[in-house]
């Protein structure tokens, strides 16, 4: 026998709403912490480059390349980390709106941002594992 369509529909009980309400608050908190980390990375990148360029005595004279450009690495990492943090923030804001307005459209948009966040993190992990294996097995790790 076929089940009626009302039995297959998702329903948000009060317990589910409470869990989702707690979820958007924690995700909002984590996204704010993420923004602070990104800001710190930007500041460190700028300071690292500025300080190393203006040292009266360069402790890295024997290095073949300009070490002050390592500040750009901090900035690049900050830019890369900004993307998933932004998606987390958007997820929390849209989920809050969806729960307050009972809007399926806002709920869909919220979960689209959560999907984008996890997709980015998944691709990022794959890239990091690939780079780790590349550097480990090719001997490039000794050069850097």
C-alpha atoms as a PDB file:
ATOM      1  CA  UNK A   1       0.000   0.000   0.000  1.00  0.00           C
ATOM      2  CA  UNK A   2       1.178   3.505  -0.757  1.00  0.00           C
ATOM      3  CA  UNK A   3       1.783   5.914   2.048  1.00  0.00           C
ATOM      4  CA  UNK A   4      -0.081   9.173   1.934  1.00  0.00           C
ATOM      5  CA  UNK A   5       1.881  12.200   0.835  1.00  0.00           C
ATOM      6  CA  UNK A   6       1.417  13.898   4.210  1.00  0.00           C
ATOM      7  CA  UNK A   7       3.397  11.107   5.890  1.00  0.00           C
ATOM      8  CA  UNK A   8       6.365  11.696   3.575  1.00  0.00           C
ATOM      9  CA  UNK A   9       6.531  15.450   4.121  1.00  0.00           C
ATOM     10  CA  UNK A  10       9.041  16.992   6.449  1.00  0.00           C
ATOM     11  CA  UNK A  11       7.507  18.665   9.448  1.00  0.00           C
ATOM     12  CA  UNK A  12       9.267  20.978  11.818  1.00  0.00           C
ATOM     13  CA  UNK A  13       8.290  20.143  15.347  1.00  0.00           C
ATOM     14  CA  UNK A  14       9.116  22.419  18.247  1.00  0.00           C
ATOM     15  CA  UNK A  15      12.083  20.206  19.117  1.00  0.00           C
ATOM     16  CA  UNK A  16      13.486  20.538  15.598  1.00  0.00           C
ATOM     17  CA  UNK A  17      12.972  24.299  15.699  1.00  0.00           C
ATOM     18  CA  UNK A  18      14.798  24.509  19.028  1.00  0.00           C
ATOM     19  CA  UNK A  19      17.735  22.491  17.683  1.00  0.00           C
ATOM     20  CA  UNK A  20      17.913  24.617  14.532  1.00  0.00           C
ATOM     21  CA  UNK A  21      17.672  27.763  16.639  1.00  0.00           C
ATOM     22  CA  UNK A  22      20.630  26.647  18.756  1.00  0.00           C
ATOM     23  CA  UNK A  23      22.459  25.632  15.588  1.00  0.00           C
ATOM     24  CA  UNK A  24      22.223  29.044  13.915  1.00  0.00           C
ATOM     25  CA  UNK A  25      23.431  30.731  17.116  1.00  0.00           C
ATOM     26  CA  UNK A  26      26.507  28.489  17.355  1.00  0.00           C
ATOM     27  CA  UNK A  27      27.233  28.772  13.647  1.00  0.00           C
ATOM     28  CA  UNK A  28      26.963  32.555  13.917  1.00  0.00           C
ATOM     29  CA  UNK A  29      29.428  32.513  16.816  1.00  0.00           C
ATOM     30  CA  UNK A  30      31.851  30.293  14.886  1.00  0.00           C
ATOM     31  CA  UNK A  31      31.616  32.520  11.808  1.00  0.00           C
ATOM     32  CA  UNK A  32      32.432  35.608  13.895  1.00  0.00           C
ATOM     33  CA  UNK A  33      35.454  33.780  15.344  1.00  0.00           C
ATOM     34  CA  UNK A  34      36.415  32.845  11.780  1.00  0.00           C
ATOM     35  CA  UNK A  35      36.202  36.473  10.665  1.00  0.00           C
ATOM     36  CA  UNK A  36      38.450  37.461  13.576  1.00  0.00           C
ATOM     37  CA  UNK A  37      40.989  34.794  12.559  1.00  0.00           C
ATOM     38  CA  UNK A  38      40.915  36.035   8.952  1.00  0.00           C
ATOM     39  CA  UNK A  39      41.442  39.603  10.154  1.00  0.00           C
ATOM     40  CA  UNK A  40      44.380  38.489  12.313  1.00  0.00           C
ATOM     41  CA  UNK A  41      45.903  36.710   9.309  1.00  0.00           C
ATOM     42  CA  UNK A  42      45.596  39.871   7.222  1.00  0.00           C
ATOM     43  CA  UNK A  43      47.207  41.964   9.965  1.00  0.00           C
ATOM     44  CA  UNK A  44      49.986  39.408  10.466  1.00  0.00           C
ATOM     45  CA  UNK A  45      50.623  39.313   6.742  1.00  0.00           C
ATOM     46  CA  UNK A  46      50.902  43.073   6.522  1.00  0.00           C
ATOM     47  CA  UNK A  47      53.075  43.318   9.631  1.00  0.00           C
ATOM     48  CA  UNK A  48      55.299  40.430   8.600  1.00  0.00           C
ATOM     49  CA  UNK A  49      56.092  42.015   5.260  1.00  0.00           C
ATOM     50  CA  UNK A  50      56.442  45.532   6.652  1.00  0.00           C
ATOM     51  CA  UNK A  51      58.663  44.591   9.580  1.00  0.00           C
ATOM     52  CA  UNK A  52      60.972  42.339   7.577  1.00  0.00           C
ATOM     53  CA  UNK A  53      61.430  44.957   4.864  1.00  0.00           C
ATOM     54  CA  UNK A  54      62.338  47.633   7.406  1.00  0.00           C
ATOM     55  CA  UNK A  55      64.718  45.726   9.688  1.00  0.00           C
ATOM     56  CA  UNK A  56      68.061  47.518  10.034  1.00  0.00           C
ATOM     57  CA  UNK A  57      69.899  44.183  10.114  1.00  0.00           C
ATOM     58  CA  UNK A  58      68.448  41.409   7.976  1.00  0.00           C
ATOM     59  CA  UNK A  59      68.732  38.078   9.826  1.00  0.00           C
ATOM     60  CA  UNK A  60      67.808  36.301   6.589  1.00  0.00           C
ATOM     61  CA  UNK A  61      70.672  37.573   4.447  1.00  0.00           C
ATOM     62  CA  UNK A  62      71.751  34.058   3.484  1.00  0.00           C
ATOM     63  CA  UNK A  63      68.327  33.181   2.086  1.00  0.00           C
ATOM     64  CA  UNK A  64      68.197  33.274  -1.708  1.00  0.00           C
ATOM     65  CA  UNK A  65      64.843  35.077  -1.944  1.00  0.00           C
ATOM     66  CA  UNK A  66      63.179  38.017  -0.246  1.00  0.00           C
ATOM     67  CA  UNK A  67      61.681  36.584   2.953  1.00  0.00           C
ATOM     68  CA  UNK A  68      59.349  39.575   3.406  1.00  0.00           C
ATOM     69  CA  UNK A  69      57.065  38.107   0.753  1.00  0.00           C
ATOM     70  CA  UNK A  70      56.067  35.413   3.212  1.00  0.00           C
ATOM     71  CA  UNK A  71      53.602  37.970   4.542  1.00  0.00           C
ATOM     72  CA  UNK A  72      51.653  37.380   1.343  1.00  0.00           C
ATOM     73  CA  UNK A  73      51.207  33.753   2.403  1.00  0.00           C
ATOM     74  CA  UNK A  74      49.287  34.928   5.461  1.00  0.00           C
ATOM     75  CA  UNK A  75      47.115  37.136   3.266  1.00  0.00           C
ATOM     76  CA  UNK A  76      46.439  34.281   0.800  1.00  0.00           C
ATOM     77  CA  UNK A  77      45.519  31.914   3.629  1.00  0.00           C
ATOM     78  CA  UNK A  78      43.202  34.595   5.005  1.00  0.00           C
ATOM     79  CA  UNK A  79      41.549  34.999   1.609  1.00  0.00           C
ATOM     80  CA  UNK A  80      41.110  31.238   1.263  1.00  0.00           C
ATOM     81  CA  UNK A  81      39.637  30.925   4.761  1.00  0.00           C
ATOM     82  CA  UNK A  82      37.281  33.842   4.193  1.00  0.00           C
ATOM     83  CA  UNK A  83      35.180  31.866   1.699  1.00  0.00           C
ATOM     84  CA  UNK A  84      33.972  29.055   4.018  1.00  0.00           C
ATOM     85  CA  UNK A  85      33.586  31.480   6.927  1.00  0.00           C
ATOM     86  CA  UNK A  86      31.394  33.711   4.760  1.00  0.00           C
ATOM     87  CA  UNK A  87      29.227  30.724   3.785  1.00  0.00           C
ATOM     88  CA  UNK A  88      28.834  29.770   7.452  1.00  0.00           C
ATOM     89  CA  UNK A  89      27.797  33.313   8.272  1.00  0.00           C
ATOM     90  CA  UNK A  90      25.255  33.381   5.429  1.00  0.00           C
ATOM     91  CA  UNK A  91      23.900  29.994   6.568  1.00  0.00           C
ATOM     92  CA  UNK A  92      23.303  31.267  10.098  1.00  0.00           C
ATOM     93  CA  UNK A  93      21.619  34.482   8.932  1.00  0.00           C
ATOM     94  CA  UNK A  94      19.349  32.717   6.434  1.00  0.00           C
ATOM     95  CA  UNK A  95      18.463  29.954   8.909  1.00  0.00           C
ATOM     96  CA  UNK A  96      17.490  32.571  11.498  1.00  0.00           C
ATOM     97  CA  UNK A  97      15.289  34.332   8.923  1.00  0.00           C
ATOM     98  CA  UNK A  98      13.727  31.040   7.839  1.00  0.00           C
ATOM     99  CA  UNK A  99      12.806  30.083  11.388  1.00  0.00           C
ATOM    100  CA  UNK A 100      11.358  33.512  12.175  1.00  0.00           C
ATOM    101  CA  UNK A 101       9.351  33.795   8.953  1.00  0.00           C
ATOM    102  CA  UNK A 102       8.532  30.090   8.373  1.00  0.00           C
ATOM    103  CA  UNK A 103       9.877  30.519   4.861  1.00  0.00           C
ATOM    104  CA  UNK A 104      10.844  27.410   2.921  1.00  0.00           C
ATOM    105  CA  UNK A 105      12.642  29.623   0.408  1.00  0.00           C
ATOM    106  CA  UNK A 106      14.893  31.090   3.128  1.00  0.00           C
ATOM    107  CA  UNK A 107      15.486  27.602   4.534  1.00  0.00           C
ATOM    108  CA  UNK A 108      16.534  26.384   1.095  1.00  0.00           C
ATOM    109  CA  UNK A 109      18.915  29.340   0.687  1.00  0.00           C
ATOM    110  CA  UNK A 110      20.376  28.618   4.133  1.00  0.00           C
ATOM    111  CA  UNK A 111      21.106  25.005   3.309  1.00  0.00           C
ATOM    112  CA  UNK A 112      22.546  25.984  -0.079  1.00  0.00           C
ATOM    113  CA  UNK A 113      25.126  28.060   1.811  1.00  0.00           C
ATOM    114  CA  UNK A 114      25.825  25.158   4.161  1.00  0.00           C
ATOM    115  CA  UNK A 115      26.318  22.869   1.159  1.00  0.00           C
ATOM    116  CA  UNK A 116      28.704  25.391  -0.410  1.00  0.00           C
ATOM    117  CA  UNK A 117      30.641  25.545   2.855  1.00  0.00           C
ATOM    118  CA  UNK A 118      31.096  21.779   3.080  1.00  0.00           C
ATOM    119  CA  UNK A 119      31.861  21.491  -0.623  1.00  0.00           C
ATOM    120  CA  UNK A 120      34.624  24.091  -0.293  1.00  0.00           C
ATOM    121  CA  UNK A 121      36.029  22.427   2.828  1.00  0.00           C
ATOM    122  CA  UNK A 122      35.961  19.029   1.102  1.00  0.00           C
ATOM    123  CA  UNK A 123      37.797  20.319  -1.964  1.00  0.00           C
ATOM    124  CA  UNK A 124      40.266  22.160   0.274  1.00  0.00           C
ATOM    125  CA  UNK A 125      41.020  18.959   2.210  1.00  0.00           C
ATOM    126  CA  UNK A 126      41.531  17.024  -1.035  1.00  0.00           C
ATOM    127  CA  UNK A 127      43.952  19.705  -2.272  1.00  0.00           C
ATOM    128  CA  UNK A 128      45.868  19.691   1.024  1.00  0.00           C
ATOM    129  CA  UNK A 129      46.157  15.890   1.062  1.00  0.00           C
ATOM    130  CA  UNK A 130      47.310  15.928  -2.565  1.00  0.00           C
ATOM    131  CA  UNK A 131      49.931  18.594  -1.848  1.00  0.00           C
ATOM    132  CA  UNK A 132      51.097  16.692   1.223  1.00  0.00           C
ATOM    133  CA  UNK A 133      51.528  13.501  -0.774  1.00  0.00           C
ATOM    134  CA  UNK A 134      53.210  15.375  -3.619  1.00  0.00           C
ATOM    135  CA  UNK A 135      55.734  17.018  -1.299  1.00  0.00           C
ATOM    136  CA  UNK A 136      56.268  13.859   0.749  1.00  0.00           C
ATOM    137  CA  UNK A 137      56.967  11.450  -2.089  1.00  0.00           C
ATOM    138  CA  UNK A 138      58.650  13.746  -4.600  1.00  0.00           C
ATOM    139  CA  UNK A 139      61.317  15.147  -2.339  1.00  0.00           C
ATOM    140  CA  UNK A 140      60.091  18.710  -2.834  1.00  0.00           C
ATOM    141  CA  UNK A 141      59.670  18.991   0.917  1.00  0.00           C
ATOM    142  CA  UNK A 142      63.448  19.078   1.352  1.00  0.00           C
ATOM    143  CA  UNK A 143      63.739  22.039  -1.021  1.00  0.00           C
ATOM    144  CA  UNK A 144      61.182  24.146   0.820  1.00  0.00           C
END
